PDB file of N, CA and C in Angstrom:
ATOM      1  N   MET A   1     -67.521 -26.615   3.235  1.00  0.00           N
ATOM      2  CA  MET A   1     -66.192 -26.406   2.689  1.00  0.00           C
ATOM      3  C   MET A   1     -65.311 -27.600   3.052  1.00  0.00           C
ATOM      4  N   ALA A   2     -64.024 -27.405   3.082  1.00  0.00           N
ATOM      5  CA  ALA A   2     -63.114 -28.501   3.393  1.00  0.00           C
ATOM      6  C   ALA A   2     -62.753 -28.486   4.869  1.00  0.00           C
ATOM      7  N   LYS A   3     -63.068 -29.556   5.560  1.00  0.00           N
ATOM      8  CA  LYS A   3     -62.669 -29.715   6.948  1.00  0.00           C
ATOM      9  C   LYS A   3     -61.409 -30.558   6.969  1.00  0.00           C
ATOM     10  N   GLN A   4     -60.729 -30.578   8.105  1.00  0.00           N
ATOM     11  CA  GLN A   4     -59.472 -31.324   8.185  1.00  0.00           C
ATOM     12  C   GLN A   4     -59.658 -32.781   7.769  1.00  0.00           C
ATOM     13  N   LYS A   5     -60.793 -33.384   8.122  1.00  0.00           N
ATOM     14  CA  LYS A   5     -61.023 -34.778   7.733  1.00  0.00           C
ATOM     15  C   LYS A   5     -61.169 -34.929   6.218  1.00  0.00           C
ATOM     16  N   ASN A   6     -61.402 -33.820   5.515  1.00  0.00           N
ATOM     17  CA  ASN A   6     -61.540 -33.850   4.065  1.00  0.00           C
ATOM     18  C   ASN A   6     -60.244 -33.512   3.336  1.00  0.00           C
ATOM     19  N   ILE A   7     -59.151 -33.472   4.078  1.00  0.00           N
ATOM     20  CA  ILE A   7     -57.819 -33.248   3.494  1.00  0.00           C
ATOM     21  C   ILE A   7     -56.936 -34.392   3.968  1.00  0.00           C
ATOM     22  N   TRP A   8     -56.403 -35.154   3.037  1.00  0.00           N
ATOM     23  CA  TRP A   8     -55.599 -36.294   3.434  1.00  0.00           C
ATOM     24  C   TRP A   8     -54.424 -36.493   2.476  1.00  0.00           C
ATOM     25  N   LYS A   9     -53.397 -37.165   3.007  1.00  0.00           N
ATOM     26  CA  LYS A   9     -52.203 -37.475   2.224  1.00  0.00           C
ATOM     27  C   LYS A   9     -52.593 -38.490   1.162  1.00  0.00           C
ATOM     28  N   PHE A  10     -52.222 -38.216  -0.069  1.00  0.00           N
ATOM     29  CA  PHE A  10     -52.618 -39.065  -1.195  1.00  0.00           C
ATOM     30  C   PHE A  10     -51.443 -39.900  -1.676  1.00  0.00           C
ATOM     31  N   ASN A  11     -50.331 -39.284  -1.923  1.00  0.00           N
ATOM     32  CA  ASN A  11     -49.077 -39.932  -2.306  1.00  0.00           C
ATOM     33  C   ASN A  11     -47.973 -39.299  -1.474  1.00  0.00           C
ATOM     34  N   ASP A  12     -46.732 -39.695  -1.720  1.00  0.00           N
ATOM     35  CA  ASP A  12     -45.628 -39.097  -0.972  1.00  0.00           C
ATOM     36  C   ASP A  12     -45.540 -37.592  -1.180  1.00  0.00           C
ATOM     37  N   ASP A  13     -45.912 -37.127  -2.343  1.00  0.00           N
ATOM     38  CA  ASP A  13     -45.732 -35.709  -2.650  1.00  0.00           C
ATOM     39  C   ASP A  13     -47.048 -34.997  -3.007  1.00  0.00           C
ATOM     40  N   GLU A  14     -48.182 -35.594  -2.630  1.00  0.00           N
ATOM     41  CA  GLU A  14     -49.480 -34.997  -2.969  1.00  0.00           C
ATOM     42  C   GLU A  14     -50.499 -35.202  -1.849  1.00  0.00           C
ATOM     43  N   TRP A  15     -51.482 -34.323  -1.844  1.00  0.00           N
ATOM     44  CA  TRP A  15     -52.618 -34.388  -0.929  1.00  0.00           C
ATOM     45  C   TRP A  15     -53.893 -34.375  -1.754  1.00  0.00           C
ATOM     46  N   LYS A  16     -54.981 -34.854  -1.156  1.00  0.00           N
ATOM     47  CA  LYS A  16     -56.300 -34.712  -1.767  1.00  0.00           C
ATOM     48  C   LYS A  16     -57.145 -33.836  -0.865  1.00  0.00           C
ATOM     49  N   VAL A  17     -57.867 -32.915  -1.485  1.00  0.00           N
ATOM     50  CA  VAL A  17     -58.781 -32.033  -0.779  1.00  0.00           C
ATOM     51  C   VAL A  17     -60.174 -32.281  -1.343  1.00  0.00           C
ATOM     52  N   HIS A  18     -61.108 -32.644  -0.467  1.00  0.00           N
ATOM     53  CA  HIS A  18     -62.486 -32.904  -0.879  1.00  0.00           C
ATOM     54  C   HIS A  18     -63.294 -31.627  -0.685  1.00  0.00           C
ATOM     55  N   ILE A  19     -63.901 -31.131  -1.753  1.00  0.00           N
ATOM     56  CA  ILE A  19     -64.657 -29.890  -1.746  1.00  0.00           C
ATOM     57  C   ILE A  19     -66.106 -30.194  -2.134  1.00  0.00           C
ATOM     58  N   GLU A  20     -67.041 -29.607  -1.399  1.00  0.00           N
ATOM     59  CA  GLU A  20     -68.461 -29.796  -1.701  1.00  0.00           C
ATOM     60  C   GLU A  20     -69.142 -28.494  -2.098  1.00  0.00           C
ATOM     61  N   ASP A  21     -68.371 -27.496  -2.429  1.00  0.00           N
ATOM     62  CA  ASP A  21     -68.910 -26.194  -2.817  1.00  0.00           C
ATOM     63  C   ASP A  21     -68.351 -25.829  -4.184  1.00  0.00           C
ATOM     64  N   ASP A  22     -69.228 -25.662  -5.174  1.00  0.00           N
ATOM     65  CA  ASP A  22     -68.753 -25.415  -6.539  1.00  0.00           C
ATOM     66  C   ASP A  22     -68.001 -24.094  -6.666  1.00  0.00           C
ATOM     67  N   THR A  23     -68.364 -23.087  -5.870  1.00  0.00           N
ATOM     68  CA  THR A  23     -67.663 -21.807  -5.925  1.00  0.00           C
ATOM     69  C   THR A  23     -66.234 -21.956  -5.409  1.00  0.00           C
ATOM     70  N   MET A  24     -66.070 -22.663  -4.295  1.00  0.00           N
ATOM     71  CA  MET A  24     -64.731 -22.876  -3.745  1.00  0.00           C
ATOM     72  C   MET A  24     -63.888 -23.720  -4.702  1.00  0.00           C
ATOM     73  N   CYS A  25     -64.480 -24.708  -5.304  1.00  0.00           N
ATOM     74  CA  CYS A  25     -63.758 -25.526  -6.274  1.00  0.00           C
ATOM     75  C   CYS A  25     -63.229 -24.653  -7.408  1.00  0.00           C
ATOM     76  N   GLN A  26     -64.065 -23.794  -7.939  1.00  0.00           N
ATOM     77  CA  GLN A  26     -63.648 -22.912  -9.032  1.00  0.00           C
ATOM     78  C   GLN A  26     -62.569 -21.941  -8.581  1.00  0.00           C
ATOM     79  N   LYS A  27     -62.662 -21.432  -7.362  1.00  0.00           N
ATOM     80  CA  LYS A  27     -61.636 -20.527  -6.836  1.00  0.00           C
ATOM     81  C   LYS A  27     -60.287 -21.229  -6.736  1.00  0.00           C
ATOM     82  N   LEU A  28     -60.284 -22.487  -6.300  1.00  0.00           N
ATOM     83  CA  LEU A  28     -59.029 -23.241  -6.212  1.00  0.00           C
ATOM     84  C   LEU A  28     -58.439 -23.486  -7.597  1.00  0.00           C
ATOM     85  N   VAL A  29     -59.301 -23.795  -8.547  1.00  0.00           N
ATOM     86  CA  VAL A  29     -58.844 -23.995  -9.923  1.00  0.00           C
ATOM     87  C   VAL A  29     -58.214 -22.709 -10.455  1.00  0.00           C
ATOM     88  N   ASP A  30     -58.900 -21.593 -10.254  1.00  0.00           N
ATOM     89  CA  ASP A  30     -58.426 -20.311 -10.777  1.00  0.00           C
ATOM     90  C   ASP A  30     -57.188 -19.800 -10.043  1.00  0.00           C
ATOM     91  N   SER A  31     -57.155 -19.938  -8.723  1.00  0.00           N
ATOM     92  CA  SER A  31     -56.087 -19.343  -7.924  1.00  0.00           C
ATOM     93  C   SER A  31     -54.800 -20.164  -7.912  1.00  0.00           C
ATOM     94  N   PHE A  32     -54.922 -21.473  -7.974  1.00  0.00           N
ATOM     95  CA  PHE A  32     -53.750 -22.336  -7.811  1.00  0.00           C
ATOM     96  C   PHE A  32     -53.463 -23.225  -9.015  1.00  0.00           C
ATOM     97  N   ASP A  33     -54.238 -23.058 -10.084  1.00  0.00           N
ATOM     98  CA  ASP A  33     -54.072 -23.880 -11.279  1.00  0.00           C
ATOM     99  C   ASP A  33     -54.173 -25.372 -10.954  1.00  0.00           C
ATOM    100  N   LEU A  34     -55.153 -25.705 -10.111  1.00  0.00           N
ATOM    101  CA  LEU A  34     -55.418 -27.095  -9.743  1.00  0.00           C
ATOM    102  C   LEU A  34     -56.670 -27.556 -10.464  1.00  0.00           C
ATOM    103  N   HIS A  35     -56.802 -28.855 -10.617  1.00  0.00           N
ATOM    104  CA  HIS A  35     -57.971 -29.393 -11.312  1.00  0.00           C
ATOM    105  C   HIS A  35     -58.495 -30.617 -10.580  1.00  0.00           C
ATOM    106  N   PRO A  36     -59.812 -30.779 -10.529  1.00  0.00           N
ATOM    107  CA  PRO A  36     -60.389 -31.940  -9.845  1.00  0.00           C
ATOM    108  C   PRO A  36     -59.910 -33.250 -10.459  1.00  0.00           C
ATOM    109  N   SER A  37     -59.581 -34.190  -9.582  1.00  0.00           N
ATOM    110  CA  SER A  37     -59.194 -35.519 -10.049  1.00  0.00           C
ATOM    111  C   SER A  37     -60.373 -36.465 -10.022  1.00  0.00           C
ATOM    112  N   THR A  38     -61.348 -36.173  -9.158  1.00  0.00           N
ATOM    113  CA  THR A  38     -62.548 -36.984  -9.031  1.00  0.00           C
ATOM    114  C   THR A  38     -63.754 -36.065  -8.916  1.00  0.00           C
ATOM    115  N   VAL A  39     -64.819 -36.396  -9.616  1.00  0.00           N
ATOM    116  CA  VAL A  39     -66.059 -35.631  -9.554  1.00  0.00           C
ATOM    117  C   VAL A  39     -67.143 -36.575  -9.049  1.00  0.00           C
ATOM    118  N   TYR A  40     -67.954 -36.093  -8.115  1.00  0.00           N
ATOM    119  CA  TYR A  40     -69.030 -36.891  -7.539  1.00  0.00           C
ATOM    120  C   TYR A  40     -70.383 -36.379  -8.019  1.00  0.00           C
ATOM    121  N   TYR A  41     -71.281 -37.306  -8.260  1.00  0.00           N
ATOM    122  CA  TYR A  41     -72.662 -37.006  -8.662  1.00  0.00           C
ATOM    123  C   TYR A  41     -73.573 -37.763  -7.712  1.00  0.00           C
ATOM    124  N   GLN A  42     -74.400 -37.045  -6.942  1.00  0.00           N
ATOM    125  CA  GLN A  42     -75.228 -37.742  -5.960  1.00  0.00           C
ATOM    126  C   GLN A  42     -76.713 -37.689  -6.268  1.00  0.00           C
ATOM    127  N   ASN A  43     -77.111 -36.973  -7.254  1.00  0.00           N
ATOM    128  CA  ASN A  43     -78.543 -36.799  -7.500  1.00  0.00           C
ATOM    129  C   ASN A  43     -79.079 -37.701  -8.596  1.00  0.00           C
ATOM    130  N   GLY A  44     -78.387 -38.765  -8.896  1.00  0.00           N
ATOM    131  CA  GLY A  44     -78.895 -39.739  -9.836  1.00  0.00           C
ATOM    132  C   GLY A  44     -78.590 -39.471 -11.297  1.00  0.00           C
ATOM    133  N   GLY A  45     -78.051 -38.324 -11.626  1.00  0.00           N
ATOM    134  CA  GLY A  45     -77.722 -38.024 -13.012  1.00  0.00           C
ATOM    135  C   GLY A  45     -76.327 -37.467 -13.123  1.00  0.00           C
ATOM    136  N   LEU A  46     -75.806 -37.489 -14.309  1.00  0.00           N
ATOM    137  CA  LEU A  46     -74.450 -37.001 -14.521  1.00  0.00           C
ATOM    138  C   LEU A  46     -74.420 -35.530 -14.910  1.00  0.00           C
ATOM    139  N   SER A  47     -75.547 -34.850 -14.803  1.00  0.00           N
ATOM    140  CA  SER A  47     -75.577 -33.449 -15.206  1.00  0.00           C
ATOM    141  C   SER A  47     -75.259 -32.499 -14.049  1.00  0.00           C
ATOM    142  N   GLU A  48     -75.361 -32.967 -12.805  1.00  0.00           N
ATOM    143  CA  GLU A  48     -75.127 -32.092 -11.656  1.00  0.00           C
ATOM    144  C   GLU A  48     -73.990 -32.619 -10.779  1.00  0.00           C
ATOM    145  N   GLU A  49     -72.851 -31.939 -10.838  1.00  0.00           N
ATOM    146  CA  GLU A  49     -71.715 -32.311  -9.999  1.00  0.00           C
ATOM    147  C   GLU A  49     -71.988 -31.821  -8.582  1.00  0.00           C
ATOM    148  N   THR A  50     -71.708 -32.665  -7.585  1.00  0.00           N
ATOM    149  CA  THR A  50     -72.011 -32.297  -6.199  1.00  0.00           C
ATOM    150  C   THR A  50     -70.782 -32.181  -5.313  1.00  0.00           C
ATOM    151  N   ALA A  51     -69.646 -32.747  -5.714  1.00  0.00           N
ATOM    152  CA  ALA A  51     -68.419 -32.667  -4.917  1.00  0.00           C
ATOM    153  C   ALA A  51     -67.230 -32.991  -5.805  1.00  0.00           C
ATOM    154  N   TRP A  52     -66.042 -32.575  -5.332  1.00  0.00           N
ATOM    155  CA  TRP A  52     -64.823 -32.746  -6.110  1.00  0.00           C
ATOM    156  C   TRP A  52     -63.669 -33.102  -5.186  1.00  0.00           C
ATOM    157  N   ASP A  53     -62.759 -33.939  -5.660  1.00  0.00           N
ATOM    158  CA  ASP A  53     -61.473 -34.176  -5.003  1.00  0.00           C
ATOM    159  C   ASP A  53     -60.420 -33.508  -5.866  1.00  0.00           C
ATOM    160  N   ILE A  54     -59.605 -32.680  -5.238  1.00  0.00           N
ATOM    161  CA  ILE A  54     -58.560 -31.965  -5.951  1.00  0.00           C
ATOM    162  C   ILE A  54     -57.214 -32.430  -5.417  1.00  0.00           C
ATOM    163  N   ILE A  55     -56.321 -32.819  -6.298  1.00  0.00           N
ATOM    164  CA  ILE A  55     -54.973 -33.219  -5.906  1.00  0.00           C
ATOM    165  C   ILE A  55     -54.130 -31.958  -5.785  1.00  0.00           C
ATOM    166  N   VAL A  56     -53.456 -31.830  -4.633  1.00  0.00           N
ATOM    167  CA  VAL A  56     -52.632 -30.659  -4.345  1.00  0.00           C
ATOM    168  C   VAL A  56     -51.211 -31.126  -4.039  1.00  0.00           C
ATOM    169  N   PRO A  57     -50.217 -30.583  -4.729  1.00  0.00           N
ATOM    170  CA  PRO A  57     -48.831 -30.952  -4.424  1.00  0.00           C
ATOM    171  C   PRO A  57     -48.402 -30.438  -3.049  1.00  0.00           C
ATOM    172  N   ASN A  58     -47.405 -31.099  -2.469  1.00  0.00           N
ATOM    173  CA  ASN A  58     -46.899 -30.715  -1.149  1.00  0.00           C
ATOM    174  C   ASN A  58     -46.555 -29.239  -1.058  1.00  0.00           C
ATOM    175  N   ASP A  59     -45.966 -28.692  -2.098  1.00  0.00           N
ATOM    176  CA  ASP A  59     -45.504 -27.304  -2.034  1.00  0.00           C
ATOM    177  C   ASP A  59     -46.656 -26.292  -2.041  1.00  0.00           C
ATOM    178  N   LYS A  60     -47.879 -26.719  -2.304  1.00  0.00           N
ATOM    179  CA  LYS A  60     -49.029 -25.811  -2.310  1.00  0.00           C
ATOM    180  C   LYS A  60     -50.035 -26.078  -1.202  1.00  0.00           C
ATOM    181  N   ILE A  61     -49.889 -27.178  -0.456  1.00  0.00           N
ATOM    182  CA  ILE A  61     -50.944 -27.575   0.470  1.00  0.00           C
ATOM    183  C   ILE A  61     -51.173 -26.555   1.579  1.00  0.00           C
ATOM    184  N   ASN A  62     -50.135 -25.968   2.125  1.00  0.00           N
ATOM    185  CA  ASN A  62     -50.331 -24.984   3.202  1.00  0.00           C
ATOM    186  C   ASN A  62     -51.046 -23.741   2.693  1.00  0.00           C
ATOM    187  N   LYS A  63     -50.710 -23.297   1.499  1.00  0.00           N
ATOM    188  CA  LYS A  63     -51.383 -22.134   0.903  1.00  0.00           C
ATOM    189  C   LYS A  63     -52.842 -22.454   0.599  1.00  0.00           C
ATOM    190  N   VAL A  64     -53.104 -23.659   0.127  1.00  0.00           N
ATOM    191  CA  VAL A  64     -54.480 -24.070  -0.180  1.00  0.00           C
ATOM    192  C   VAL A  64     -55.304 -24.152   1.098  1.00  0.00           C
ATOM    193  N   LYS A  65     -54.751 -24.746   2.160  1.00  0.00           N
ATOM    194  CA  LYS A  65     -55.465 -24.824   3.434  1.00  0.00           C
ATOM    195  C   LYS A  65     -55.802 -23.430   3.952  1.00  0.00           C
ATOM    196  N   LYS A  66     -54.835 -22.534   3.900  1.00  0.00           N
ATOM    197  CA  LYS A  66     -55.057 -21.158   4.365  1.00  0.00           C
ATOM    198  C   LYS A  66     -56.116 -20.467   3.513  1.00  0.00           C
ATOM    199  N   PHE A  67     -56.036 -20.662   2.212  1.00  0.00           N
ATOM    200  CA  PHE A  67     -57.002 -20.069   1.298  1.00  0.00           C
ATOM    201  C   PHE A  67     -58.415 -20.531   1.616  1.00  0.00           C
ATOM    202  N   ILE A  68     -58.575 -21.832   1.839  1.00  0.00           N
ATOM    203  CA  ILE A  68     -59.882 -22.396   2.176  1.00  0.00           C
ATOM    204  C   ILE A  68     -60.375 -21.826   3.494  1.00  0.00           C
ATOM    205  N   LYS A  69     -59.511 -21.783   4.491  1.00  0.00           N
ATOM    206  CA  LYS A  69     -59.900 -21.252   5.802  1.00  0.00           C
ATOM    207  C   LYS A  69     -60.309 -19.793   5.704  1.00  0.00           C
ATOM    208  N   ASP A  70     -59.555 -19.002   4.957  1.00  0.00           N
ATOM    209  CA  ASP A  70     -59.826 -17.570   4.833  1.00  0.00           C
ATOM    210  C   ASP A  70     -61.061 -17.272   3.997  1.00  0.00           C
ATOM    211  N   ASN A  71     -61.485 -18.209   3.173  1.00  0.00           N
ATOM    212  CA  ASN A  71     -62.613 -17.969   2.261  1.00  0.00           C
ATOM    213  C   ASN A  71     -63.862 -18.771   2.626  1.00  0.00           C
ATOM    214  N   THR A  72     -63.936 -19.246   3.848  1.00  0.00           N
ATOM    215  CA  THR A  72     -65.147 -19.962   4.270  1.00  0.00           C
ATOM    216  C   THR A  72     -65.856 -19.221   5.364  1.00  0.00           C
TER     217      THR A  72
END
């Protein structure tokens, strides 16, 4: 899931959260109306997504962190 090292300040008013679990990524999309800004593919093809970076605004970051902690 997302560890503290996988959450960092991105801009003055945004954070990036790195997620390596497709279920958690989908839950964040559904629960907070967030969308991945970066998709990673590590298995040599573009058919299997393996990780995602999601941009989170300042006003949602505490709720997102709590959500991740409570659902891991």
